[in-house]
PDB file of N, CA and C in Angstrom:
ATOM      1  N   MET A   1      12.242   3.271  20.781  1.00  0.00           N
ATOM      2  CA  MET A   1      11.082   3.190  20.032  1.00  0.00           C
ATOM      3  C   MET A   1      10.243   3.720  19.910  1.00  0.00           C
ATOM      4  N   ASN A   2      10.164   4.542  20.511  1.00  0.00           N
ATOM      5  CA  ASN A   2       8.916   5.553  20.131  1.00  0.00           C
ATOM      6  C   ASN A   2       9.710   6.481  19.305  1.00  0.00           C
ATOM      7  N   TYR A   3      11.253   6.788  18.962  1.00  0.00           N
ATOM      8  CA  TYR A   3      11.250   7.774  17.883  1.00  0.00           C
ATOM      9  C   TYR A   3      11.101   7.187  16.636  1.00  0.00           C
ATOM     10  N   LEU A   4      11.432   5.233  16.437  1.00  0.00           N
ATOM     11  CA  LEU A   4      10.896   4.628  15.389  1.00  0.00           C
ATOM     12  C   LEU A   4       9.682   4.682  15.138  1.00  0.00           C
ATOM     13  N   LYS A   5       8.568   4.613  16.001  1.00  0.00           N
ATOM     14  CA  LYS A   5       7.154   4.823  15.835  1.00  0.00           C
ATOM     15  C   LYS A   5       6.743   5.892  15.481  1.00  0.00           C
ATOM     16  N   LYS A   6       7.680   7.101  15.489  1.00  0.00           N
ATOM     17  CA  LYS A   6       7.249   8.346  14.825  1.00  0.00           C
ATOM     18  C   LYS A   6       8.136   8.433  13.958  1.00  0.00           C
ATOM     19  N   ILE A   7       8.696   8.453  13.716  1.00  0.00           N
ATOM     20  CA  ILE A   7       9.067   8.029  12.270  1.00  0.00           C
ATOM     21  C   ILE A   7       8.473   7.306  11.124  1.00  0.00           C
ATOM     22  N   GLY A   8       8.495   6.205  12.365  1.00  0.00           N
ATOM     23  CA  GLY A   8       7.808   4.510  10.800  1.00  0.00           C
ATOM     24  C   GLY A   8       5.631   5.045  10.667  1.00  0.00           C
ATOM     25  N   LYS A   9       5.401   6.739  11.414  1.00  0.00           N
ATOM     26  CA  LYS A   9       4.103   6.774  11.033  1.00  0.00           C
ATOM     27  C   LYS A   9       4.093   8.218  10.073  1.00  0.00           C
ATOM     28  N   PHE A  10       5.026   8.513  10.542  1.00  0.00           N
ATOM     29  CA  PHE A  10       5.154   9.450   9.177  1.00  0.00           C
ATOM     30  C   PHE A  10       5.639   9.282   7.738  1.00  0.00           C
ATOM     31  N   LEU A  11       6.262   8.065   7.859  1.00  0.00           N
ATOM     32  CA  LEU A  11       6.994   7.140   7.153  1.00  0.00           C
ATOM     33  C   LEU A  11       5.481   6.337   6.150  1.00  0.00           C
ATOM     34  N   LEU A  12       4.161   5.980   6.994  1.00  0.00           N
ATOM     35  CA  LEU A  12       3.055   5.508   6.908  1.00  0.00           C
ATOM     36  C   LEU A  12       2.094   6.335   5.672  1.00  0.00           C
ATOM     37  N   THR A  13       2.469   7.613   6.763  1.00  0.00           N
ATOM     38  CA  THR A  13       1.071   8.527   6.052  1.00  0.00           C
ATOM     39  C   THR A  13       2.021   8.607   5.307  1.00  0.00           C
ATOM     40  N   THR A  14       2.847   9.237   4.102  1.00  0.00           N
ATOM     41  CA  THR A  14       3.831   9.361   3.656  1.00  0.00           C
ATOM     42  C   THR A  14       3.150   8.387   2.380  1.00  0.00           C
ATOM     43  N   PHE A  15       3.529   7.258   2.440  1.00  0.00           N
ATOM     44  CA  PHE A  15       3.307   6.370   1.054  1.00  0.00           C
ATOM     45  C   PHE A  15       1.564   6.013   1.105  1.00  0.00           C
ATOM     46  N   ILE A  16       0.902   6.194   2.372  1.00  0.00           N
ATOM     47  CA  ILE A  16      -0.674   6.392   1.913  1.00  0.00           C
ATOM     48  C   ILE A  16      -0.909   7.491   1.054  1.00  0.00           C
ATOM     49  N   SER A  17      -0.121   8.745   1.671  1.00  0.00           N
ATOM     50  CA  SER A  17      -1.150   9.405   0.686  1.00  0.00           C
ATOM     51  C   SER A  17      -0.130   9.436  -0.966  1.00  0.00           C
ATOM     52  N   ILE A  18       0.519   8.867  -0.661  1.00  0.00           N
ATOM     53  CA  ILE A  18       1.533   8.810  -2.307  1.00  0.00           C
ATOM     54  C   ILE A  18       0.507   8.028  -2.798  1.00  0.00           C
ATOM     55  N   ILE A  19      -0.355   7.231  -2.012  1.00  0.00           N
ATOM     56  CA  ILE A  19      -0.609   5.864  -3.074  1.00  0.00           C
ATOM     57  C   ILE A  19      -2.000   6.092  -3.457  1.00  0.00           C
ATOM     58  N   VAL A  20      -2.994   6.887  -2.389  1.00  0.00           N
ATOM     59  CA  VAL A  20      -4.051   7.168  -2.855  1.00  0.00           C
ATOM     60  C   VAL A  20      -4.383   8.436  -3.954  1.00  0.00           C
ATOM     61  N   LEU A  21      -3.547   9.456  -3.477  1.00  0.00           N
ATOM     62  CA  LEU A  21      -3.206  10.811  -4.932  1.00  0.00           C
ATOM     63  C   LEU A  21      -3.487   9.719  -5.973  1.00  0.00           C
ATOM     64  N   SER A  22      -2.124   8.549  -6.021  1.00  0.00           N
ATOM     65  CA  SER A  22      -1.379   7.970  -7.644  1.00  0.00           C
ATOM     66  C   SER A  22      -2.851   7.484  -8.323  1.00  0.00           C
ATOM     67  N   PHE A  23      -3.094   7.320  -7.372  1.00  0.00           N
ATOM     68  CA  PHE A  23      -4.893   6.399  -7.316  1.00  0.00           C
ATOM     69  C   PHE A  23      -5.524   7.068  -8.480  1.00  0.00           C
ATOM     70  N   VAL A  24      -6.091   8.371  -8.046  1.00  0.00           N
ATOM     71  CA  VAL A  24      -6.906   9.064  -8.070  1.00  0.00           C
ATOM     72  C   VAL A  24      -6.684   9.685  -9.699  1.00  0.00           C
ATOM     73  N   LEU A  25      -4.644  10.428  -9.103  1.00  0.00           N
ATOM     74  CA  LEU A  25      -4.333  10.551 -10.714  1.00  0.00           C
ATOM     75  C   LEU A  25      -4.293   9.482 -11.930  1.00  0.00           C
ATOM     76  N   THR A  26      -4.321   8.711 -11.937  1.00  0.00           N
ATOM     77  CA  THR A  26      -3.980   7.267 -12.938  1.00  0.00           C
ATOM     78  C   THR A  26      -5.796   7.344 -13.404  1.00  0.00           C
ATOM     79  N   ILE A  27      -6.591   7.702 -12.591  1.00  0.00           N
ATOM     80  CA  ILE A  27      -8.278   7.187 -13.035  1.00  0.00           C
ATOM     81  C   ILE A  27      -8.244   8.147 -14.202  1.00  0.00           C
ATOM     82  N   PHE A  28      -7.672   9.529 -13.518  1.00  0.00           N
ATOM     83  CA  PHE A  28      -7.711  10.697 -14.419  1.00  0.00           C
ATOM     84  C   PHE A  28      -7.149  10.507 -16.253  1.00  0.00           C
ATOM     85  N   TYR A  29      -5.708   9.806 -15.984  1.00  0.00           N
ATOM     86  CA  TYR A  29      -5.078   9.498 -17.433  1.00  0.00           C
ATOM     87  C   TYR A  29      -5.872   8.157 -17.708  1.00  0.00           C
ATOM     88  N   TYR A  30      -6.297   7.767 -17.508  1.00  0.00           N
ATOM     89  CA  TYR A  30      -6.904   6.229 -17.884  1.00  0.00           C
ATOM     90  C   TYR A  30      -8.137   6.889 -19.005  1.00  0.00           C
ATOM     91  N   PHE A  31      -9.195   7.282 -17.827  1.00  0.00           N
ATOM     92  CA  PHE A  31     -10.528   8.014 -18.718  1.00  0.00           C
ATOM     93  C   PHE A  31     -10.002   9.572 -19.526  1.00  0.00           C
ATOM     94  N   ASP A  32      -8.217   9.313 -19.365  1.00  0.00           N
ATOM     95  CA  ASP A  32      -8.426  10.761 -21.360  1.00  0.00           C
ATOM     96  C   ASP A  32      -8.418  12.137 -20.014  1.00  0.00           C
ATOM     97  N   ILE A  33      -9.046  11.776 -19.234  1.00  0.00           N
ATOM     98  CA  ILE A  33      -8.880  13.818 -18.329  1.00  0.00           C
ATOM     99  C   ILE A  33      -8.071  14.657 -18.063  1.00  0.00           C
ATOM    100  N   ILE A  34      -6.052  13.841 -18.268  1.00  0.00           N
ATOM    101  CA  ILE A  34      -5.426  14.715 -18.076  1.00  0.00           C
ATOM    102  C   ILE A  34      -4.316  14.562 -19.308  1.00  0.00           C
ATOM    103  N   SER A  35      -3.692  14.728 -19.730  1.00  0.00           N
ATOM    104  CA  SER A  35      -2.610  15.017 -21.110  1.00  0.00           C
ATOM    105  C   SER A  35      -1.181  14.088 -19.860  1.00  0.00           C
ATOM    106  N   ASN A  36      -0.779  13.443 -21.204  1.00  0.00           N
ATOM    107  CA  ASN A  36       0.845  13.186 -20.319  1.00  0.00           C
ATOM    108  C   ASN A  36       1.239  13.525 -19.928  1.00  0.00           C
ATOM    109  N   ASN A  37       1.832  15.176 -20.267  1.00  0.00           N
ATOM    110  CA  ASN A  37       1.949  15.110 -19.745  1.00  0.00           C
ATOM    111  C   ASN A  37       2.140  15.745 -18.927  1.00  0.00           C
ATOM    112  N   ILE A  38       1.090  16.603 -18.523  1.00  0.00           N
ATOM    113  CA  ILE A  38       0.152  16.640 -17.431  1.00  0.00           C
ATOM    114  C   ILE A  38       0.398  15.558 -15.775  1.00  0.00           C
ATOM    115  N   TYR A  39       0.339  13.949 -16.418  1.00  0.00           N
ATOM    116  CA  TYR A  39       0.508  13.154 -15.713  1.00  0.00           C
ATOM    117  C   TYR A  39       1.633  13.242 -14.691  1.00  0.00           C
ATOM    118  N   ASN A  40       2.723  12.958 -16.523  1.00  0.00           N
ATOM    119  CA  ASN A  40       3.870  13.046 -15.194  1.00  0.00           C
ATOM    120  C   ASN A  40       4.499  13.668 -14.443  1.00  0.00           C
ATOM    121  N   ILE A  41       4.817  15.333 -14.664  1.00  0.00           N
ATOM    122  CA  ILE A  41       5.072  16.392 -13.996  1.00  0.00           C
ATOM    123  C   ILE A  41       4.144  16.056 -12.386  1.00  0.00           C
ATOM    124  N   MET A  42       1.871  15.646 -12.482  1.00  0.00           N
ATOM    125  CA  MET A  42       1.941  15.542 -11.263  1.00  0.00           C
ATOM    126  C   MET A  42       2.544  14.271 -10.292  1.00  0.00           C
ATOM    127  N   LYS A  43       2.851  13.414 -10.794  1.00  0.00           N
ATOM    128  CA  LYS A  43       3.587  11.946 -10.754  1.00  0.00           C
ATOM    129  C   LYS A  43       4.463  12.584  -9.012  1.00  0.00           C
ATOM    130  N   MET A  44       5.293  13.724 -10.245  1.00  0.00           N
ATOM    131  CA  MET A  44       6.615  14.062  -9.261  1.00  0.00           C
ATOM    132  C   MET A  44       5.936  15.430  -7.887  1.00  0.00           C
ATOM    133  N   ILE A  45       4.861  15.872  -8.237  1.00  0.00           N
ATOM    134  CA  ILE A  45       4.563  16.585  -7.413  1.00  0.00           C
ATOM    135  C   ILE A  45       3.498  15.648  -6.319  1.00  0.00           C
ATOM    136  N   ILE A  46       2.764  14.662  -6.520  1.00  0.00           N
ATOM    137  CA  ILE A  46       2.331  14.348  -6.011  1.00  0.00           C
ATOM    138  C   ILE A  46       3.374  13.611  -4.581  1.00  0.00           C
ATOM    139  N   VAL A  47       4.719  13.438  -4.994  1.00  0.00           N
ATOM    140  CA  VAL A  47       5.545  12.561  -4.221  1.00  0.00           C
ATOM    141  C   VAL A  47       5.885  14.035  -3.262  1.00  0.00           C
ATOM    142  N   ILE A  48       6.649  15.146  -4.260  1.00  0.00           N
ATOM    143  CA  ILE A  48       7.521  15.787  -3.522  1.00  0.00           C
ATOM    144  C   ILE A  48       6.007  16.325  -2.576  1.00  0.00           C
ATOM    145  N   GLY A  49       4.795  16.938  -3.098  1.00  0.00           N
ATOM    146  CA  GLY A  49       4.431  17.383  -2.060  1.00  0.00           C
ATOM    147  C   GLY A  49       4.068  16.199  -0.237  1.00  0.00           C
ATOM    148  N   SER A  50       3.563  15.290  -0.810  1.00  0.00           N
ATOM    149  CA  SER A  50       3.140  14.557  -0.006  1.00  0.00           C
ATOM    150  C   SER A  50       4.527  13.837   1.446  1.00  0.00           C
ATOM    151  N   LEU A  51       5.821  14.307   0.940  1.00  0.00           N
ATOM    152  CA  LEU A  51       6.737  14.174   1.523  1.00  0.00           C
ATOM    153  C   LEU A  51       6.834  15.324   2.336  1.00  0.00           C
ATOM    154  N   PHE A  52       7.311  16.802   1.228  1.00  0.00           N
ATOM    155  CA  PHE A  52       7.131  18.236   2.186  1.00  0.00           C
ATOM    156  C   PHE A  52       6.084  18.082   3.672  1.00  0.00           C
ATOM    157  N   ILE A  53       4.468  17.974   3.427  1.00  0.00           N
ATOM    158  CA  ILE A  53       3.572  18.074   4.285  1.00  0.00           C
ATOM    159  C   ILE A  53       4.256  17.328   5.357  1.00  0.00           C
ATOM    160  N   ASN A  54       4.634  15.052   4.986  1.00  0.00           N
ATOM    161  CA  ASN A  54       4.383  15.447   5.970  1.00  0.00           C
ATOM    162  C   ASN A  54       5.880  15.406   6.971  1.00  0.00           C
ATOM    163  N   SER A  55       6.261  16.259   6.046  1.00  0.00           N
ATOM    164  CA  SER A  55       7.836  16.552   6.830  1.00  0.00           C
ATOM    165  C   SER A  55       7.431  18.114   7.887  1.00  0.00           C
ATOM    166  N   LEU A  56       6.767  18.549   7.634  1.00  0.00           N
ATOM    167  CA  LEU A  56       6.262  19.476   7.911  1.00  0.00           C
ATOM    168  C   LEU A  56       5.588  19.782   9.282  1.00  0.00           C
ATOM    169  N   PHE A  57       4.840  18.379   8.902  1.00  0.00           N
ATOM    170  CA  PHE A  57       4.467  17.487  10.115  1.00  0.00           C
ATOM    171  C   PHE A  57       5.290  17.108  11.410  1.00  0.00           C
ATOM    172  N   LEU A  58       5.899  16.363  10.645  1.00  0.00           N
ATOM    173  CA  LEU A  58       7.676  15.467  11.788  1.00  0.00           C
ATOM    174  C   LEU A  58       8.288  16.656  11.990  1.00  0.00           C
ATOM    175  N   GLY A  59       8.748  18.080  11.631  1.00  0.00           N
ATOM    176  CA  GLY A  59       9.741  19.166  12.900  1.00  0.00           C
ATOM    177  C   GLY A  59       8.356  19.779  13.611  1.00  0.00           C
ATOM    178  N   LYS A  60       6.710  19.752  13.231  1.00  0.00           N
ATOM    179  CA  LYS A  60       6.411  20.310  14.513  1.00  0.00           C
ATOM    180  C   LYS A  60       6.434  19.246  15.569  1.00  0.00           C
ATOM    181  N   ASN A  61       6.345  17.907  15.154  1.00  0.00           N
ATOM    182  CA  ASN A  61       5.988  17.041  16.468  1.00  0.00           C
ATOM    183  C   ASN A  61       8.148  16.882  16.647  1.00  0.00           C
ATOM    184  N   SER A  62       9.383  17.220  16.253  1.00  0.00           N
ATOM    185  CA  SER A  62       9.892  17.699  16.873  1.00  0.00           C
ATOM    186  C   SER A  62      11.070  18.967  17.849  1.00  0.00           C
ATOM    187  N   ASN A  63      11.775  18.235  18.673  1.00  0.00           N
ATOM    188  CA  ASN A  63      11.783  19.374  19.838  1.00  0.00           C
ATOM    189  C   ASN A  63      12.624  20.522  18.698  1.00  0.00           C
ATOM    190  N   LYS A  64      14.275  19.250  18.086  1.00  0.00           N
ATOM    191  CA  LYS A  64      15.556  20.810  17.467  1.00  0.00           C
ATOM    192  C   LYS A  64      16.019  19.824  16.545  1.00  0.00           C
ATOM    193  N   TYR A  65      16.359  19.869  15.661  1.00  0.00           N
ATOM    194  CA  TYR A  65      16.979  20.024  14.745  1.00  0.00           C
ATOM    195  C   TYR A  65      16.423  19.332  13.275  1.00  0.00           C
ATOM    196  N   GLY A  66      15.096  20.143  13.016  1.00  0.00           N
ATOM    197  CA  GLY A  66      14.691  19.822  12.442  1.00  0.00           C
ATOM    198  C   GLY A  66      14.820  19.443  10.762  1.00  0.00           C
ATOM    199  N   ILE A  67      16.104  20.343   9.899  1.00  0.00           N
ATOM    200  CA  ILE A  67      16.815  19.958   9.242  1.00  0.00           C
ATOM    201  C   ILE A  67      17.621  18.065   8.888  1.00  0.00           C
ATOM    202  N   VAL A  68      17.854  17.932  10.091  1.00  0.00           N
ATOM    203  CA  VAL A  68      18.057  16.373  10.766  1.00  0.00           C
ATOM    204  C   VAL A  68      17.285  15.463  10.418  1.00  0.00           C
ATOM    205  N   GLU A  69      16.418  16.248  10.826  1.00  0.00           N
ATOM    206  CA  GLU A  69      15.096  15.227  11.220  1.00  0.00           C
ATOM    207  C   GLU A  69      13.812  14.660   9.522  1.00  0.00           C
ATOM    208  N   GLY A  70      14.631  16.144   8.685  1.00  0.00           N
ATOM    209  CA  GLY A  70      13.828  15.898   7.844  1.00  0.00           C
ATOM    210  C   GLY A  70      14.775  15.352   7.032  1.00  0.00           C
ATOM    211  N   LEU A  71      15.900  15.283   7.527  1.00  0.00           N
ATOM    212  CA  LEU A  71      17.185  14.046   6.296  1.00  0.00           C
ATOM    213  C   LEU A  71      16.842  12.508   6.445  1.00  0.00           C
ATOM    214  N   LYS A  72      16.628  12.437   7.462  1.00  0.00           N
ATOM    215  CA  LYS A  72      16.206  11.203   8.172  1.00  0.00           C
ATOM    216  C   LYS A  72      15.037  10.443   6.925  1.00  0.00           C
ATOM    217  N   LEU A  73      14.209  11.131   7.652  1.00  0.00           N
ATOM    218  CA  LEU A  73      13.351  10.462   6.682  1.00  0.00           C
ATOM    219  C   LEU A  73      12.849  11.233   5.552  1.00  0.00           C
ATOM    220  N   GLY A  74      13.918  11.961   4.930  1.00  0.00           N
ATOM    221  CA  GLY A  74      13.809  11.954   3.535  1.00  0.00           C
ATOM    222  C   GLY A  74      15.050  10.893   3.012  1.00  0.00           C
ATOM    223  N   ALA A  75      16.042   9.951   3.679  1.00  0.00           N
ATOM    224  CA  ALA A  75      16.958   9.276   3.192  1.00  0.00           C
ATOM    225  C   ALA A  75      16.284   7.945   4.304  1.00  0.00           C
ATOM    226  N   ILE A  76      15.583   7.552   4.560  1.00  0.00           N
ATOM    227  CA  ILE A  76      14.266   6.413   4.737  1.00  0.00           C
ATOM    228  C   ILE A  76      13.785   6.297   3.742  1.00  0.00           C
ATOM    229  N   PHE A  77      12.586   7.344   2.978  1.00  0.00           N
ATOM    230  CA  PHE A  77      11.923   7.109   1.979  1.00  0.00           C
ATOM    231  C   PHE A  77      12.598   6.684   0.658  1.00  0.00           C
ATOM    232  N   LEU A  78      14.203   7.368   0.436  1.00  0.00           N
ATOM    233  CA  LEU A  78      14.692   7.159  -0.553  1.00  0.00           C
ATOM    234  C   LEU A  78      15.602   5.521  -0.733  1.00  0.00           C
ATOM    235  N   ILE A  79      15.570   5.369   0.187  1.00  0.00           N
ATOM    236  CA  ILE A  79      16.574   3.653   1.047  1.00  0.00           C
ATOM    237  C   ILE A  79      14.927   2.533   0.217  1.00  0.00           C
ATOM    238  N   ILE A  80      13.871   3.289   0.881  1.00  0.00           N
ATOM    239  CA  ILE A  80      12.962   1.950   0.401  1.00  0.00           C
ATOM    240  C   ILE A  80      12.672   2.361  -1.474  1.00  0.00           C
ATOM    241  N   ILE A  81      12.178   3.559  -1.807  1.00  0.00           N
ATOM    242  CA  ILE A  81      12.043   3.144  -2.317  1.00  0.00           C
ATOM    243  C   ILE A  81      12.598   2.972  -3.535  1.00  0.00           C
ATOM    244  N   ILE A  82      13.958   3.653  -3.950  1.00  0.00           N
ATOM    245  CA  ILE A  82      14.950   3.172  -4.398  1.00  0.00           C
ATOM    246  C   ILE A  82      15.521   1.649  -4.533  1.00  0.00           C
ATOM    247  N   LYS A  83      15.681   1.238  -3.923  1.00  0.00           N
ATOM    248  CA  LYS A  83      15.952  -0.198  -3.631  1.00  0.00           C
ATOM    249  C   LYS A  83      15.566  -0.939  -3.565  1.00  0.00           C
ATOM    250  N   LEU A  84      14.083  -1.092  -2.095  1.00  0.00           N
ATOM    251  CA  LEU A  84      13.065  -1.856  -2.356  1.00  0.00           C
ATOM    252  C   LEU A  84      12.542  -2.326  -3.551  1.00  0.00           C
ATOM    253  N   ILE A  85      11.196  -0.971  -3.533  1.00  0.00           N
ATOM    254  CA  ILE A  85      10.619  -0.746  -5.028  1.00  0.00           C
ATOM    255  C   ILE A  85      11.129  -0.998  -6.425  1.00  0.00           C
ATOM    256  N   THR A  86      12.068   0.053  -6.893  1.00  0.00           N
ATOM    257  CA  THR A  86      12.698  -0.370  -8.825  1.00  0.00           C
ATOM    258  C   THR A  86      13.783  -0.716  -7.985  1.00  0.00           C
ATOM    259  N   ASN A  87      14.152  -1.655  -8.902  1.00  0.00           N
ATOM    260  CA  ASN A  87      15.686  -2.146  -9.202  1.00  0.00           C
ATOM    261  C   ASN A  87      15.887  -1.088 -10.125  1.00  0.00           C
ATOM    262  N   SER A  88      16.173   0.024 -10.403  1.00  0.00           N
ATOM    263  CA  SER A  88      16.507   0.475 -10.978  1.00  0.00           C
ATOM    264  C   SER A  88      17.860   0.931 -10.679  1.00  0.00           C
ATOM    265  N   SER A  89      19.150   0.915 -11.996  1.00  0.00           N
ATOM    266  CA  SER A  89      20.503   1.577 -11.998  1.00  0.00           C
ATOM    267  C   SER A  89      20.209   2.524 -11.217  1.00  0.00           C
ATOM    268  N   PHE A  90      21.308   3.090 -10.359  1.00  0.00           N
ATOM    269  CA  PHE A  90      21.958   4.596 -10.400  1.00  0.00           C
ATOM    270  C   PHE A  90      22.672   4.905 -11.236  1.00  0.00           C
ATOM    271  N   ASP A  91      21.712   6.941 -12.105  1.00  0.00           N
ATOM    272  CA  ASP A  91      22.363   6.974 -12.361  1.00  0.00           C
ATOM    273  C   ASP A  91      22.201   9.043 -12.261  1.00  0.00           C
ATOM    274  N   ILE A  92      22.845   9.587 -13.287  1.00  0.00           N
ATOM    275  CA  ILE A  92      22.325  11.243 -13.148  1.00  0.00           C
ATOM    276  C   ILE A  92      20.719  11.491 -12.664  1.00  0.00           C
ATOM    277  N   ARG A  93      19.197  10.885 -13.310  1.00  0.00           N
ATOM    278  CA  ARG A  93      18.536  10.776 -13.273  1.00  0.00           C
ATOM    279  C   ARG A  93      17.838  10.236 -11.970  1.00  0.00           C
ATOM    280  N   THR A  94      18.339   9.667 -11.484  1.00  0.00           N
ATOM    281  CA  THR A  94      18.013   8.828  -9.731  1.00  0.00           C
ATOM    282  C   THR A  94      18.528   9.709  -8.581  1.00  0.00           C
ATOM    283  N   LEU A  95      20.426  10.167  -8.836  1.00  0.00           N
ATOM    284  CA  LEU A  95      20.270  11.267  -8.721  1.00  0.00           C
ATOM    285  C   LEU A  95      20.094  13.052  -7.531  1.00  0.00           C
ATOM    286  N   ILE A  96      19.447  13.243  -9.695  1.00  0.00           N
ATOM    287  CA  ILE A  96      18.806  14.615  -9.150  1.00  0.00           C
ATOM    288  C   ILE A  96      17.579  14.415  -8.251  1.00  0.00           C
ATOM    289  N   TYR A  97      16.312  13.227  -8.888  1.00  0.00           N
ATOM    290  CA  TYR A  97      16.303  13.333  -8.095  1.00  0.00           C
ATOM    291  C   TYR A  97      15.973  13.154  -6.214  1.00  0.00           C
ATOM    292  N   SER A  98      16.683  12.207  -6.233  1.00  0.00           N
ATOM    293  CA  SER A  98      17.185  12.198  -4.804  1.00  0.00           C
ATOM    294  C   SER A  98      17.078  12.760  -3.692  1.00  0.00           C
ATOM    295  N   LEU A  99      18.750  14.267  -4.448  1.00  0.00           N
ATOM    296  CA  LEU A  99      18.543  15.194  -3.864  1.00  0.00           C
ATOM    297  C   LEU A  99      17.544  16.054  -3.998  1.00  0.00           C
ATOM    298  N   ILE A 100      16.694  15.714  -4.406  1.00  0.00           N
ATOM    299  CA  ILE A 100      15.026  16.957  -4.477  1.00  0.00           C
ATOM    300  C   ILE A 100      15.063  16.202  -3.560  1.00  0.00           C
ATOM    301  N   ILE A 101      14.490  14.906  -3.716  1.00  0.00           N
ATOM    302  CA  ILE A 101      13.567  14.443  -2.054  1.00  0.00           C
ATOM    303  C   ILE A 101      14.359  14.711  -0.771  1.00  0.00           C
ATOM    304  N   LEU A 102      15.602  15.172  -1.055  1.00  0.00           N
ATOM    305  CA  LEU A 102      15.782  15.257   0.116  1.00  0.00           C
ATOM    306  C   LEU A 102      16.045  16.937   1.267  1.00  0.00           C
ATOM    307  N   LEU A 103      16.016  17.037  -0.393  1.00  0.00           N
ATOM    308  CA  LEU A 103      16.276  18.898   0.089  1.00  0.00           C
ATOM    309  C   LEU A 103      14.517  19.374   0.616  1.00  0.00           C
ATOM    310  N   THR A 104      13.326  18.734  -0.488  1.00  0.00           N
ATOM    311  CA  THR A 104      12.052  19.029   0.037  1.00  0.00           C
ATOM    312  C   THR A 104      11.666  17.976   1.640  1.00  0.00           C
ATOM    313  N   SER A 105      12.302  17.180   2.072  1.00  0.00           N
ATOM    314  CA  SER A 105      11.844  17.147   3.570  1.00  0.00           C
ATOM    315  C   SER A 105      13.501  18.023   4.336  1.00  0.00           C
ATOM    316  N   SER A 106      14.463  18.029   3.963  1.00  0.00           N
ATOM    317  CA  SER A 106      14.360  18.776   4.438  1.00  0.00           C
ATOM    318  C   SER A 106      13.779  20.386   5.340  1.00  0.00           C
ATOM    319  N   VAL A 107      13.657  21.879   4.110  1.00  0.00           N
ATOM    320  CA  VAL A 107      13.003  22.250   3.749  1.00  0.00           C
ATOM    321  C   VAL A 107      11.770  22.184   4.910  1.00  0.00           C
ATOM    322  N   GLY A 108      10.916  21.370   4.674  1.00  0.00           N
ATOM    323  CA  GLY A 108       9.642  21.236   5.676  1.00  0.00           C
ATOM    324  C   GLY A 108       9.466  20.315   6.888  1.00  0.00           C
ATOM    325  N   ALA A 109      11.018  19.748   7.174  1.00  0.00           N
ATOM    326  CA  ALA A 109      11.022  19.701   8.630  1.00  0.00           C
ATOM    327  C   ALA A 109      12.017  20.690   8.780  1.00  0.00           C
ATOM    328  N   VAL A 110      12.229  22.432   8.736  1.00  0.00           N
ATOM    329  CA  VAL A 110      12.898  22.798   8.768  1.00  0.00           C
ATOM    330  C   VAL A 110      12.198  23.993   9.218  1.00  0.00           C
ATOM    331  N   ILE A 111      10.652  24.457   7.804  1.00  0.00           N
ATOM    332  CA  ILE A 111       9.178  24.678   8.278  1.00  0.00           C
ATOM    333  C   ILE A 111       8.511  24.326   9.545  1.00  0.00           C
ATOM    334  N   GLY A 112       8.808  22.788   9.499  1.00  0.00           N
ATOM    335  CA  GLY A 112       8.220  22.605  10.669  1.00  0.00           C
ATOM    336  C   GLY A 112       8.421  22.785  12.391  1.00  0.00           C
ATOM    337  N   ILE A 113       9.159  22.852  12.197  1.00  0.00           N
ATOM    338  CA  ILE A 113      10.376  23.590  13.672  1.00  0.00           C
ATOM    339  C   ILE A 113       9.621  25.063  13.895  1.00  0.00           C
ATOM    340  N   ASN A 114      10.164  25.841  13.283  1.00  0.00           N
ATOM    341  CA  ASN A 114       9.676  27.106  12.783  1.00  0.00           C
ATOM    342  C   ASN A 114       8.416  27.935  13.492  1.00  0.00           C
ATOM    343  N   LYS A 115       7.457  27.067  12.569  1.00  0.00           N
ATOM    344  CA  LYS A 115       6.133  27.411  13.058  1.00  0.00           C
ATOM    345  C   LYS A 115       5.901  26.820  14.434  1.00  0.00           C
ATOM    346  N   LYS A 116       6.514  25.796  15.121  1.00  0.00           N
ATOM    347  CA  LYS A 116       6.378  25.068  16.611  1.00  0.00           C
ATOM    348  C   LYS A 116       6.561  26.713  17.218  1.00  0.00           C
ATOM    349  N   GLU A 117       7.440  26.775  16.919  1.00  0.00           N
ATOM    350  CA  GLU A 117       8.446  27.807  17.804  1.00  0.00           C
ATOM    351  C   GLU A 117       7.945  29.130  17.750  1.00  0.00           C
ATOM    352  N   ASN A 118       7.110  29.424  16.872  1.00  0.00           N
ATOM    353  CA  ASN A 118       6.423  30.437  16.597  1.00  0.00           C
ATOM    354  C   ASN A 118       5.095  30.576  17.487  1.00  0.00           C
ATOM    355  N   LYS A 119       4.790  29.156  18.321  1.00  0.00           N
ATOM    356  CA  LYS A 119       2.806  29.597  18.947  1.00  0.00           C
ATOM    357  C   LYS A 119       3.446  29.823  20.230  1.00  0.00           C
TER     358      LYS A 119
END
């Protein structure tokens, strides 16, 4: 049960940071402060950055196997995003997006484990 609370906490902070940063980005886009190209790029950067930072903190709180912890966080995130929120079909674009999410969360957790061991 402790493990589920830990993963849930990091998933919740990931979703909250994505929602808040996306809201700010949308306001900038609405008032025409940023262009459409920058808006689309920043949407992806917000998701990847939020997931990377939260995976890094998850790695710091884990005892070992950072890559597995990162894959778990990324997989749960993908299941929630792809299956529950968006009802899109699975195509090559979704596959590439999923691989980027899994890679980002894994690398973040591995770096988090390594930062913890250096101290």
